[in-house]
PDB file of N, CA and C in Angstrom:
ATOM      1  N   UNK A   1       0.837  -1.184   0.000  1.00  0.00           N
ATOM      2  CA  UNK A   1       0.000   0.000   0.000  1.00  0.00           C
ATOM      3  C   UNK A   1       0.880   1.245   0.000  1.00  0.00           C
ATOM      4  N   UNK A   2       0.408   2.273  -0.695  1.00  0.00           N
ATOM      5  CA  UNK A   2       1.184   3.495  -0.817  1.00  0.00           C
ATOM      6  C   UNK A   2       0.574   4.649  -0.047  1.00  0.00           C
ATOM      7  N   UNK A   3       0.970   5.819  -0.444  1.00  0.00           N
ATOM      8  CA  UNK A   3       0.446   7.045   0.146  1.00  0.00           C
ATOM      9  C   UNK A   3      -1.005   7.244  -0.282  1.00  0.00           C
ATOM     10  N   UNK A   4      -1.652   8.188   0.361  1.00  0.00           N
ATOM     11  CA  UNK A   4      -2.991   8.581  -0.086  1.00  0.00           C
ATOM     12  C   UNK A   4      -2.842   9.362  -1.389  1.00  0.00           C
ATOM     13  N   UNK A   5      -3.859   9.270  -2.227  1.00  0.00           N
ATOM     14  CA  UNK A   5      -3.890  10.009  -3.485  1.00  0.00           C
ATOM     15  C   UNK A   5      -5.207  10.758  -3.561  1.00  0.00           C
ATOM     16  N   UNK A   6      -5.125  12.043  -3.840  1.00  0.00           N
ATOM     17  CA  UNK A   6      -6.325  12.857  -4.015  1.00  0.00           C
ATOM     18  C   UNK A   6      -6.417  13.336  -5.441  1.00  0.00           C
ATOM     19  N   UNK A   7      -7.581  13.198  -6.029  1.00  0.00           N
ATOM     20  CA  UNK A   7      -7.824  13.623  -7.405  1.00  0.00           C
ATOM     21  C   UNK A   7      -8.839  14.758  -7.396  1.00  0.00           C
ATOM     22  N   UNK A   8      -8.579  15.778  -8.182  1.00  0.00           N
ATOM     23  CA  UNK A   8      -9.574  16.821  -8.381  1.00  0.00           C
ATOM     24  C   UNK A   8      -9.497  17.248  -9.840  1.00  0.00           C
ATOM     25  N   UNK A   9     -10.645  17.212 -10.510  1.00  0.00           N
ATOM     26  CA  UNK A   9     -10.736  17.647 -11.900  1.00  0.00           C
ATOM     27  C   UNK A   9     -11.335  19.040 -11.932  1.00  0.00           C
ATOM     28  N   UNK A  10     -10.707  19.921 -12.699  1.00  0.00           N
ATOM     29  CA  UNK A  10     -11.171  21.300 -12.811  1.00  0.00           C
ATOM     30  C   UNK A  10     -11.259  21.686 -14.277  1.00  0.00           C
ATOM     31  N   UNK A  11     -11.966  22.777 -14.538  1.00  0.00           N
ATOM     32  CA  UNK A  11     -12.092  23.291 -15.896  1.00  0.00           C
ATOM     33  C   UNK A  11     -10.924  24.226 -16.212  1.00  0.00           C
ATOM     34  N   UNK A  12     -10.093  23.852 -17.153  1.00  0.00           N
ATOM     35  CA  UNK A  12      -9.056  24.738 -17.673  1.00  0.00           C
ATOM     36  C   UNK A  12      -7.706  24.628 -16.992  1.00  0.00           C
ATOM     37  N   UNK A  13      -6.671  24.903 -17.770  1.00  0.00           N
ATOM     38  CA  UNK A  13      -5.303  24.794 -17.289  1.00  0.00           C
ATOM     39  C   UNK A  13      -4.954  25.899 -16.294  1.00  0.00           C
ATOM     40  N   UNK A  14      -5.393  27.112 -16.533  1.00  0.00           N
ATOM     41  CA  UNK A  14      -5.100  28.204 -15.591  1.00  0.00           C
ATOM     42  C   UNK A  14      -5.721  27.910 -14.227  1.00  0.00           C
ATOM     43  N   UNK A  15      -6.938  27.421 -14.219  1.00  0.00           N
ATOM     44  CA  UNK A  15      -7.605  27.050 -12.971  1.00  0.00           C
ATOM     45  C   UNK A  15      -6.846  25.913 -12.291  1.00  0.00           C
ATOM     46  N   UNK A  16      -6.347  24.962 -13.076  1.00  0.00           N
ATOM     47  CA  UNK A  16      -5.592  23.836 -12.516  1.00  0.00           C
ATOM     48  C   UNK A  16      -4.333  24.325 -11.802  1.00  0.00           C
ATOM     49  N   UNK A  17      -3.610  25.261 -12.416  1.00  0.00           N
ATOM     50  CA  UNK A  17      -2.407  25.779 -11.769  1.00  0.00           C
ATOM     51  C   UNK A  17      -2.749  26.534 -10.479  1.00  0.00           C
ATOM     52  N   UNK A  18      -3.817  27.313 -10.488  1.00  0.00           N
ATOM     53  CA  UNK A  18      -4.229  28.044  -9.287  1.00  0.00           C
ATOM     54  C   UNK A  18      -4.653  27.073  -8.186  1.00  0.00           C
ATOM     55  N   UNK A  19      -5.411  26.029  -8.541  1.00  0.00           N
ATOM     56  CA  UNK A  19      -5.861  25.031  -7.569  1.00  0.00           C
ATOM     57  C   UNK A  19      -4.672  24.231  -7.032  1.00  0.00           C
ATOM     58  N   UNK A  20      -3.748  23.885  -7.899  1.00  0.00           N
ATOM     59  CA  UNK A  20      -2.534  23.172  -7.503  1.00  0.00           C
ATOM     60  C   UNK A  20      -1.749  23.997  -6.491  1.00  0.00           C
ATOM     61  N   UNK A  21      -1.566  25.261  -6.780  1.00  0.00           N
ATOM     62  CA  UNK A  21      -0.825  26.156  -5.899  1.00  0.00           C
ATOM     63  C   UNK A  21      -1.494  26.237  -4.525  1.00  0.00           C
ATOM     64  N   UNK A  22      -2.807  26.388  -4.512  1.00  0.00           N
ATOM     65  CA  UNK A  22      -3.542  26.466  -3.246  1.00  0.00           C
ATOM     66  C   UNK A  22      -3.399  25.174  -2.441  1.00  0.00           C
ATOM     67  N   UNK A  23      -3.527  24.041  -3.120  1.00  0.00           N
ATOM     68  CA  UNK A  23      -3.403  22.757  -2.441  1.00  0.00           C
ATOM     69  C   UNK A  23      -2.026  22.540  -1.846  1.00  0.00           C
ATOM     70  N   UNK A  24      -0.989  22.901  -2.605  1.00  0.00           N
ATOM     71  CA  UNK A  24       0.386  22.730  -2.124  1.00  0.00           C
ATOM     72  C   UNK A  24       0.711  23.671  -0.974  1.00  0.00           C
ATOM     73  N   UNK A  25       0.111  24.855  -0.961  1.00  0.00           N
ATOM     74  CA  UNK A  25       0.341  25.801   0.137  1.00  0.00           C
ATOM     75  C   UNK A  25      -0.423  25.392   1.398  1.00  0.00           C
ATOM     76  N   UNK A  26      -1.514  24.656   1.228  1.00  0.00           N
ATOM     77  CA  UNK A  26      -2.361  24.283   2.361  1.00  0.00           C
ATOM     78  C   UNK A  26      -1.873  23.041   3.101  1.00  0.00           C
ATOM     79  N   UNK A  27      -1.064  22.216   2.448  1.00  0.00           N
ATOM     80  CA  UNK A  27      -0.690  20.940   3.060  1.00  0.00           C
ATOM     81  C   UNK A  27       0.644  20.444   2.514  1.00  0.00           C
ATOM     82  N   UNK A  28       1.226  19.532   3.248  1.00  0.00           N
ATOM     83  CA  UNK A  28       2.491  18.915   2.851  1.00  0.00           C
ATOM     84  C   UNK A  28       2.189  17.758   1.893  1.00  0.00           C
ATOM     85  N   UNK A  29       2.093  18.073   0.619  1.00  0.00           N
ATOM     86  CA  UNK A  29       1.777  17.077  -0.408  1.00  0.00           C
ATOM     87  C   UNK A  29       2.775  17.185  -1.555  1.00  0.00           C
ATOM     88  N   UNK A  30       2.833  16.126  -2.341  1.00  0.00           N
ATOM     89  CA  UNK A  30       3.542  16.165  -3.607  1.00  0.00           C
ATOM     90  C   UNK A  30       2.496  16.027  -4.696  1.00  0.00           C
ATOM     91  N   UNK A  31       2.917  16.251  -5.925  1.00  0.00           N
ATOM     92  CA  UNK A  31       1.968  16.248  -7.038  1.00  0.00           C
ATOM     93  C   UNK A  31       2.479  15.355  -8.154  1.00  0.00           C
ATOM     94  N   UNK A  32       1.598  14.548  -8.690  1.00  0.00           N
ATOM     95  CA  UNK A  32       1.904  13.781  -9.899  1.00  0.00           C
ATOM     96  C   UNK A  32       1.622  14.697 -11.087  1.00  0.00           C
ATOM     97  N   UNK A  33       1.998  14.278 -12.273  1.00  0.00           N
ATOM     98  CA  UNK A  33       1.762  15.101 -13.456  1.00  0.00           C
ATOM     99  C   UNK A  33       0.271  15.309 -13.696  1.00  0.00           C
ATOM    100  N   UNK A  34      -0.071  16.477 -14.237  1.00  0.00           N
ATOM    101  CA  UNK A  34      -1.461  16.759 -14.627  1.00  0.00           C
ATOM    102  C   UNK A  34      -1.894  15.768 -15.702  1.00  0.00           C
ATOM    103  N   UNK A  35      -3.180  15.586 -15.817  1.00  0.00           N
ATOM    104  CA  UNK A  35      -3.742  14.861 -16.956  1.00  0.00           C
ATOM    105  C   UNK A  35      -4.832  15.739 -17.528  1.00  0.00           C
ATOM    106  N   UNK A  36      -5.171  15.533 -18.792  1.00  0.00           N
ATOM    107  CA  UNK A  36      -6.181  16.369 -19.433  1.00  0.00           C
ATOM    108  C   UNK A  36      -7.182  15.519 -20.177  1.00  0.00           C
ATOM    109  N   UNK A  37      -8.339  16.106 -20.395  1.00  0.00           N
ATOM    110  CA  UNK A  37      -9.408  15.459 -21.133  1.00  0.00           C
ATOM    111  C   UNK A  37     -10.203  16.541 -21.851  1.00  0.00           C
ATOM    112  N   UNK A  38     -10.390  16.379 -23.128  1.00  0.00           N
ATOM    113  CA  UNK A  38     -11.243  17.291 -23.887  1.00  0.00           C
ATOM    114  C   UNK A  38     -12.450  16.470 -24.340  1.00  0.00           C
ATOM    115  N   UNK A  39     -13.543  16.550 -23.596  1.00  0.00           N
ATOM    116  CA  UNK A  39     -14.727  15.749 -23.908  1.00  0.00           C
ATOM    117  C   UNK A  39     -15.378  16.148 -25.235  1.00  0.00           C
ATOM    118  N   UNK A  40     -16.209  15.267 -25.728  1.00  0.00           N
ATOM    119  CA  UNK A  40     -16.907  15.518 -26.994  1.00  0.00           C
ATOM    120  C   UNK A  40     -17.795  16.754 -26.911  1.00  0.00           C
ATOM    121  N   UNK A  41     -18.340  17.042 -25.741  1.00  0.00           N
ATOM    122  CA  UNK A  41     -19.218  18.199 -25.569  1.00  0.00           C
ATOM    123  C   UNK A  41     -18.453  19.432 -25.078  1.00  0.00           C
ATOM    124  N   UNK A  42     -17.184  19.537 -25.416  1.00  0.00           N
ATOM    125  CA  UNK A  42     -16.315  20.604 -24.898  1.00  0.00           C
ATOM    126  C   UNK A  42     -16.867  22.000 -25.151  1.00  0.00           C
ATOM    127  N   UNK A  43     -17.546  22.208 -26.252  1.00  0.00           N
ATOM    128  CA  UNK A  43     -18.073  23.537 -26.576  1.00  0.00           C
ATOM    129  C   UNK A  43     -19.186  23.977 -25.626  1.00  0.00           C
ATOM    130  N   UNK A  44     -19.770  23.050 -24.894  1.00  0.00           N
ATOM    131  CA  UNK A  44     -20.851  23.374 -23.965  1.00  0.00           C
ATOM    132  C   UNK A  44     -20.346  23.568 -22.535  1.00  0.00           C
ATOM    133  N   UNK A  45     -19.041  23.420 -22.345  1.00  0.00           N
ATOM    134  CA  UNK A  45     -18.459  23.530 -21.008  1.00  0.00           C
ATOM    135  C   UNK A  45     -17.962  24.951 -20.747  1.00  0.00           C
ATOM    136  N   UNK A  46     -17.793  25.317 -19.459  1.00  0.00           N
ATOM    137  CA  UNK A  46     -17.282  26.656 -19.139  1.00  0.00           C
ATOM    138  C   UNK A  46     -15.919  26.920 -19.783  1.00  0.00           C
ATOM    139  N   UNK A  47     -15.067  25.918 -19.806  1.00  0.00           N
ATOM    140  CA  UNK A  47     -13.765  25.948 -20.471  1.00  0.00           C
ATOM    141  C   UNK A  47     -13.639  24.593 -21.159  1.00  0.00           C
ATOM    142  N   UNK A  48     -13.201  24.541 -22.426  1.00  0.00           N
ATOM    143  CA  UNK A  48     -13.249  23.276 -23.174  1.00  0.00           C
ATOM    144  C   UNK A  48     -12.149  22.269 -22.837  1.00  0.00           C
ATOM    145  N   UNK A  49     -11.646  22.290 -21.622  1.00  0.00           N
ATOM    146  CA  UNK A  49     -10.608  21.352 -21.216  1.00  0.00           C
ATOM    147  C   UNK A  49     -10.796  21.024 -19.744  1.00  0.00           C
ATOM    148  N   UNK A  50     -10.730  19.736 -19.410  1.00  0.00           N
ATOM    149  CA  UNK A  50     -10.783  19.290 -18.025  1.00  0.00           C
ATOM    150  C   UNK A  50      -9.373  18.840 -17.655  1.00  0.00           C
ATOM    151  N   UNK A  51      -8.872  19.328 -16.526  1.00  0.00           N
ATOM    152  CA  UNK A  51      -7.528  18.971 -16.070  1.00  0.00           C
ATOM    153  C   UNK A  51      -7.640  18.252 -14.726  1.00  0.00           C
ATOM    154  N   UNK A  52      -6.930  17.126 -14.616  1.00  0.00           N
ATOM    155  CA  UNK A  52      -6.905  16.328 -13.388  1.00  0.00           C
ATOM    156  C   UNK A  52      -5.622  16.625 -12.624  1.00  0.00           C
ATOM    157  N   UNK A  53      -5.772  17.003 -11.355  1.00  0.00           N
ATOM    158  CA  UNK A  53      -4.651  17.236 -10.460  1.00  0.00           C
ATOM    159  C   UNK A  53      -4.589  16.051  -9.500  1.00  0.00           C
ATOM    160  N   UNK A  54      -3.374  15.536  -9.261  1.00  0.00           N
ATOM    161  CA  UNK A  54      -3.187  14.375  -8.385  1.00  0.00           C
ATOM    162  C   UNK A  54      -2.253  14.749  -7.233  1.00  0.00           C
ATOM    163  N   UNK A  55      -2.808  14.875  -6.029  1.00  0.00           N
ATOM    164  CA  UNK A  55      -2.022  15.174  -4.837  1.00  0.00           C
ATOM    165  C   UNK A  55      -1.659  13.874  -4.133  1.00  0.00           C
ATOM    166  N   UNK A  56      -0.443  13.795  -3.558  1.00  0.00           N
ATOM    167  CA  UNK A  56       0.010  12.609  -2.824  1.00  0.00           C
ATOM    168  C   UNK A  56       0.495  13.017  -1.446  1.00  0.00           C
ATOM    169  N   UNK A  57       0.232  12.194  -0.448  1.00  0.00           N
ATOM    170  CA  UNK A  57       0.690  12.448   0.911  1.00  0.00           C
ATOM    171  C   UNK A  57      -0.114  11.635   1.904  1.00  0.00           C
ATOM    172  N   UNK A  58      -0.124  12.077   3.153  1.00  0.00           N
ATOM    173  CA  UNK A  58      -0.954  11.416   4.154  1.00  0.00           C
ATOM    174  C   UNK A  58      -2.423  11.729   3.848  1.00  0.00           C
ATOM    175  N   UNK A  59      -3.304  10.940   4.404  1.00  0.00           N
ATOM    176  CA  UNK A  59      -4.735  11.173   4.187  1.00  0.00           C
ATOM    177  C   UNK A  59      -5.119  12.583   4.630  1.00  0.00           C
ATOM    178  N   UNK A  60      -4.638  12.992   5.793  1.00  0.00           N
ATOM    179  CA  UNK A  60      -4.985  14.321   6.316  1.00  0.00           C
ATOM    180  C   UNK A  60      -4.475  15.432   5.406  1.00  0.00           C
ATOM    181  N   UNK A  61      -3.236  15.313   4.946  1.00  0.00           N
ATOM    182  CA  UNK A  61      -2.675  16.335   4.071  1.00  0.00           C
ATOM    183  C   UNK A  61      -3.356  16.360   2.712  1.00  0.00           C
ATOM    184  N   UNK A  62      -3.675  15.199   2.180  1.00  0.00           N
ATOM    185  CA  UNK A  62      -4.362  15.149   0.888  1.00  0.00           C
ATOM    186  C   UNK A  62      -5.753  15.766   1.002  1.00  0.00           C
ATOM    187  N   UNK A  63      -6.457  15.470   2.095  1.00  0.00           N
ATOM    188  CA  UNK A  63      -7.784  16.075   2.304  1.00  0.00           C
ATOM    189  C   UNK A  63      -7.680  17.597   2.363  1.00  0.00           C
ATOM    190  N   UNK A  64      -6.689  18.103   3.097  1.00  0.00           N
ATOM    191  CA  UNK A  64      -6.505  19.559   3.204  1.00  0.00           C
ATOM    192  C   UNK A  64      -6.172  20.170   1.844  1.00  0.00           C
ATOM    193  N   UNK A  65      -5.337  19.494   1.068  1.00  0.00           N
ATOM    194  CA  UNK A  65      -4.970  19.992  -0.261  1.00  0.00           C
ATOM    195  C   UNK A  65      -6.181  20.018  -1.190  1.00  0.00           C
ATOM    196  N   UNK A  66      -6.977  18.963  -1.162  1.00  0.00           N
ATOM    197  CA  UNK A  66      -8.175  18.900  -2.017  1.00  0.00           C
ATOM    198  C   UNK A  66      -9.157  20.000  -1.622  1.00  0.00           C
ATOM    199  N   UNK A  67      -9.361  20.212  -0.338  1.00  0.00           N
ATOM    200  CA  UNK A  67     -10.282  21.269   0.114  1.00  0.00           C
ATOM    201  C   UNK A  67      -9.825  22.642  -0.355  1.00  0.00           C
ATOM    202  N   UNK A  68      -8.535  22.930  -0.225  1.00  0.00           N
ATOM    203  CA  UNK A  68      -8.011  24.227  -0.662  1.00  0.00           C
ATOM    204  C   UNK A  68      -8.096  24.373  -2.182  1.00  0.00           C
ATOM    205  N   UNK A  69      -7.772  23.307  -2.892  1.00  0.00           N
ATOM    206  CA  UNK A  69      -7.843  23.336  -4.355  1.00  0.00           C
ATOM    207  C   UNK A  69      -9.281  23.536  -4.820  1.00  0.00           C
ATOM    208  N   UNK A  70     -10.221  22.857  -4.161  1.00  0.00           N
ATOM    209  CA  UNK A  70     -11.637  22.986  -4.518  1.00  0.00           C
ATOM    210  C   UNK A  70     -12.141  24.410  -4.297  1.00  0.00           C
ATOM    211  N   UNK A  71     -11.773  24.994  -3.174  1.00  0.00           N
ATOM    212  CA  UNK A  71     -12.201  26.370  -2.877  1.00  0.00           C
ATOM    213  C   UNK A  71     -11.676  27.333  -3.942  1.00  0.00           C
ATOM    214  N   UNK A  72     -10.425  27.194  -4.306  1.00  0.00           N
ATOM    215  CA  UNK A  72      -9.834  28.060  -5.333  1.00  0.00           C
ATOM    216  C   UNK A  72     -10.485  27.829  -6.689  1.00  0.00           C
ATOM    217  N   UNK A  73     -10.645  26.572  -7.077  1.00  0.00           N
ATOM    218  CA  UNK A  73     -11.229  26.248  -8.382  1.00  0.00           C
ATOM    219  C   UNK A  73     -12.661  26.746  -8.491  1.00  0.00           C
ATOM    220  N   UNK A  74     -13.431  26.607  -7.417  1.00  0.00           N
ATOM    221  CA  UNK A  74     -14.820  27.080  -7.449  1.00  0.00           C
ATOM    222  C   UNK A  74     -14.901  28.597  -7.572  1.00  0.00           C
ATOM    223  N   UNK A  75     -13.862  29.295  -7.166  1.00  0.00           N
ATOM    224  CA  UNK A  75     -13.812  30.741  -7.344  1.00  0.00           C
ATOM    225  C   UNK A  75     -13.413  31.145  -8.755  1.00  0.00           C
ATOM    226  N   UNK A  76     -12.973  30.190  -9.545  1.00  0.00           N
ATOM    227  CA  UNK A  76     -12.568  30.461 -10.930  1.00  0.00           C
ATOM    228  C   UNK A  76     -13.557  29.799 -11.884  1.00  0.00           C
ATOM    229  N   UNK A  77     -13.178  28.679 -12.467  1.00  0.00           N
ATOM    230  CA  UNK A  77     -14.043  28.044 -13.473  1.00  0.00           C
ATOM    231  C   UNK A  77     -14.842  26.865 -12.950  1.00  0.00           C
ATOM    232  N   UNK A  78     -14.452  26.296 -11.808  1.00  0.00           N
ATOM    233  CA  UNK A  78     -15.239  25.235 -11.196  1.00  0.00           C
ATOM    234  C   UNK A  78     -14.576  23.871 -11.151  1.00  0.00           C
ATOM    235  N   UNK A  79     -15.202  22.983 -10.368  1.00  0.00           N
ATOM    236  CA  UNK A  79     -14.732  21.622 -10.148  1.00  0.00           C
ATOM    237  C   UNK A  79     -15.664  20.654 -10.874  1.00  0.00           C
ATOM    238  N   UNK A  80     -15.067  19.692 -11.549  1.00  0.00           N
ATOM    239  CA  UNK A  80     -15.838  18.645 -12.224  1.00  0.00           C
ATOM    240  C   UNK A  80     -16.106  17.505 -11.249  1.00  0.00           C
ATOM    241  N   UNK A  81     -15.043  17.008 -10.594  1.00  0.00           N
ATOM    242  CA  UNK A  81     -15.181  15.918  -9.622  1.00  0.00           C
ATOM    243  C   UNK A  81     -13.953  15.875  -8.729  1.00  0.00           C
ATOM    244  N   UNK A  82     -14.057  15.102  -7.649  1.00  0.00           N
ATOM    245  CA  UNK A  82     -12.929  14.918  -6.729  1.00  0.00           C
ATOM    246  C   UNK A  82     -13.077  13.570  -6.052  1.00  0.00           C
ATOM    247  N   UNK A  83     -11.940  13.003  -5.618  1.00  0.00           N
ATOM    248  CA  UNK A  83     -11.963  11.714  -4.940  1.00  0.00           C
ATOM    249  C   UNK A  83     -10.632  11.515  -4.227  1.00  0.00           C
ATOM    250  N   UNK A  84     -10.658  10.799  -3.104  1.00  0.00           N
ATOM    251  CA  UNK A  84      -9.441  10.468  -2.370  1.00  0.00           C
ATOM    252  C   UNK A  84      -9.363   8.963  -2.185  1.00  0.00           C
ATOM    253  N   UNK A  85      -8.181   8.396  -2.478  1.00  0.00           N
ATOM    254  CA  UNK A  85      -7.887   6.994  -2.196  1.00  0.00           C
ATOM    255  C   UNK A  85      -6.979   7.001  -0.971  1.00  0.00           C
ATOM    256  N   UNK A  86      -7.407   6.384   0.116  1.00  0.00           N
ATOM    257  CA  UNK A  86      -6.656   6.446   1.371  1.00  0.00           C
ATOM    258  C   UNK A  86      -5.291   5.770   1.278  1.00  0.00           C
ATOM    259  N   UNK A  87      -5.215   4.601   0.744  1.00  0.00           N
ATOM    260  CA  UNK A  87      -3.947   3.873   0.592  1.00  0.00           C
ATOM    261  C   UNK A  87      -3.898   3.297  -0.809  1.00  0.00           C
ATOM    262  N   UNK A  88      -3.176   3.961  -1.668  1.00  0.00           N
ATOM    263  CA  UNK A  88      -3.137   3.578  -3.068  1.00  0.00           C
ATOM    264  C   UNK A  88      -2.406   2.245  -3.233  1.00  0.00           C
ATOM    265  N   UNK A  89      -3.036   1.311  -3.911  1.00  0.00           N
ATOM    266  CA  UNK A  89      -2.440  -0.002  -4.189  1.00  0.00           C
ATOM    267  C   UNK A  89      -1.204   0.160  -5.068  1.00  0.00           C
ATOM    268  N   UNK A  90      -0.233  -0.708  -4.890  1.00  0.00           N
ATOM    269  CA  UNK A  90       1.003  -0.648  -5.659  1.00  0.00           C
ATOM    270  C   UNK A  90       0.739  -0.781  -7.160  1.00  0.00           C
ATOM    271  N   UNK A  91      -0.231  -1.618  -7.530  1.00  0.00           N
ATOM    272  CA  UNK A  91      -0.532  -1.796  -8.952  1.00  0.00           C
ATOM    273  C   UNK A  91      -1.124  -0.532  -9.581  1.00  0.00           C
ATOM    274  N   UNK A  92      -1.672   0.344  -8.760  1.00  0.00           N
ATOM    275  CA  UNK A  92      -2.241   1.604  -9.241  1.00  0.00           C
ATOM    276  C   UNK A  92      -1.170   2.681  -9.373  1.00  0.00           C
ATOM    277  N   UNK A  93      -0.085   2.540  -8.621  1.00  0.00           N
ATOM    278  CA  UNK A  93       0.961   3.557  -8.593  1.00  0.00           C
ATOM    279  C   UNK A  93       1.478   3.913  -9.988  1.00  0.00           C
ATOM    280  N   UNK A  94       1.755   2.914 -10.814  1.00  0.00           N
ATOM    281  CA  UNK A  94       2.309   3.206 -12.149  1.00  0.00           C
ATOM    282  C   UNK A  94       1.299   3.924 -13.033  1.00  0.00           C
ATOM    283  N   UNK A  95       0.019   3.724 -12.799  1.00  0.00           N
ATOM    284  CA  UNK A  95      -1.009   4.408 -13.592  1.00  0.00           C
ATOM    285  C   UNK A  95      -1.051   5.898 -13.278  1.00  0.00           C
ATOM    286  N   UNK A  96      -0.629   6.278 -12.081  1.00  0.00           N
ATOM    287  CA  UNK A  96      -0.627   7.697 -11.705  1.00  0.00           C
ATOM    288  C   UNK A  96       0.366   8.506 -12.534  1.00  0.00           C
ATOM    289  N   UNK A  97       1.340   7.835 -13.118  1.00  0.00           N
ATOM    290  CA  UNK A  97       2.355   8.531 -13.924  1.00  0.00           C
ATOM    291  C   UNK A  97       1.862   8.834 -15.341  1.00  0.00           C
ATOM    292  N   UNK A  98       0.797   8.164 -15.770  1.00  0.00           N
ATOM    293  CA  UNK A  98       0.284   8.365 -17.119  1.00  0.00           C
ATOM    294  C   UNK A  98      -0.420   9.699 -17.238  1.00  0.00           C
ATOM    295  N   UNK A  99      -0.290  10.335 -18.394  1.00  0.00           N
ATOM    296  CA  UNK A  99      -1.024  11.572 -18.633  1.00  0.00           C
ATOM    297  C   UNK A  99      -1.158  11.814 -20.118  1.00  0.00           C
ATOM    298  N   UNK A 100      -2.229  12.485 -20.503  1.00  0.00           N
ATOM    299  CA  UNK A 100      -2.524  12.764 -21.911  1.00  0.00           C
ATOM    300  C   UNK A 100      -1.719  13.936 -22.451  1.00  0.00           C
ATOM    301  N   UNK A 101      -1.057  14.698 -21.609  1.00  0.00           N
ATOM    302  CA  UNK A 101      -0.236  15.809 -22.114  1.00  0.00           C
ATOM    303  C   UNK A 101       0.956  15.274 -22.913  1.00  0.00           C
ATOM    304  N   UNK A 102       1.366  14.032 -22.645  1.00  0.00           N
ATOM    305  CA  UNK A 102       2.481  13.446 -23.374  1.00  0.00           C
ATOM    306  C   UNK A 102       2.079  12.952 -24.755  1.00  0.00           C
ATOM    307  N   UNK A 103       0.791  12.847 -25.018  1.00  0.00           N
ATOM    308  CA  UNK A 103       0.299  12.298 -26.290  1.00  0.00           C
ATOM    309  C   UNK A 103       0.033  13.407 -27.278  1.00  0.00           C
ATOM    310  N   UNK A 104       0.274  13.119 -28.526  1.00  0.00           N
ATOM    311  CA  UNK A 104       0.013  14.122 -29.583  1.00  0.00           C
ATOM    312  C   UNK A 104      -1.251  13.777 -30.316  1.00  0.00           C
TER     313      UNK A 104
END
């Protein structure tokens, strides 16, 4: 079992950076690479890109980071979803490194 992992999806890259900054300032966490998704209905969204932020640390720190990131994101373009895994399985760890920003 690994560290806790917190996921928060937000609308837009600028919002993702602001939410990331807030989360990192609020708690002792590390961050995996961002991931992105441009859904088929992107033109109907507030911003046509969804960005996933992945915080890592203790459960308490990840919760604090997600709360701070959510507050910041809701003040900008908004939150799509969020979730925390208390003890990330080892088989899941390698999947956290994957991201769509590396794909063309």
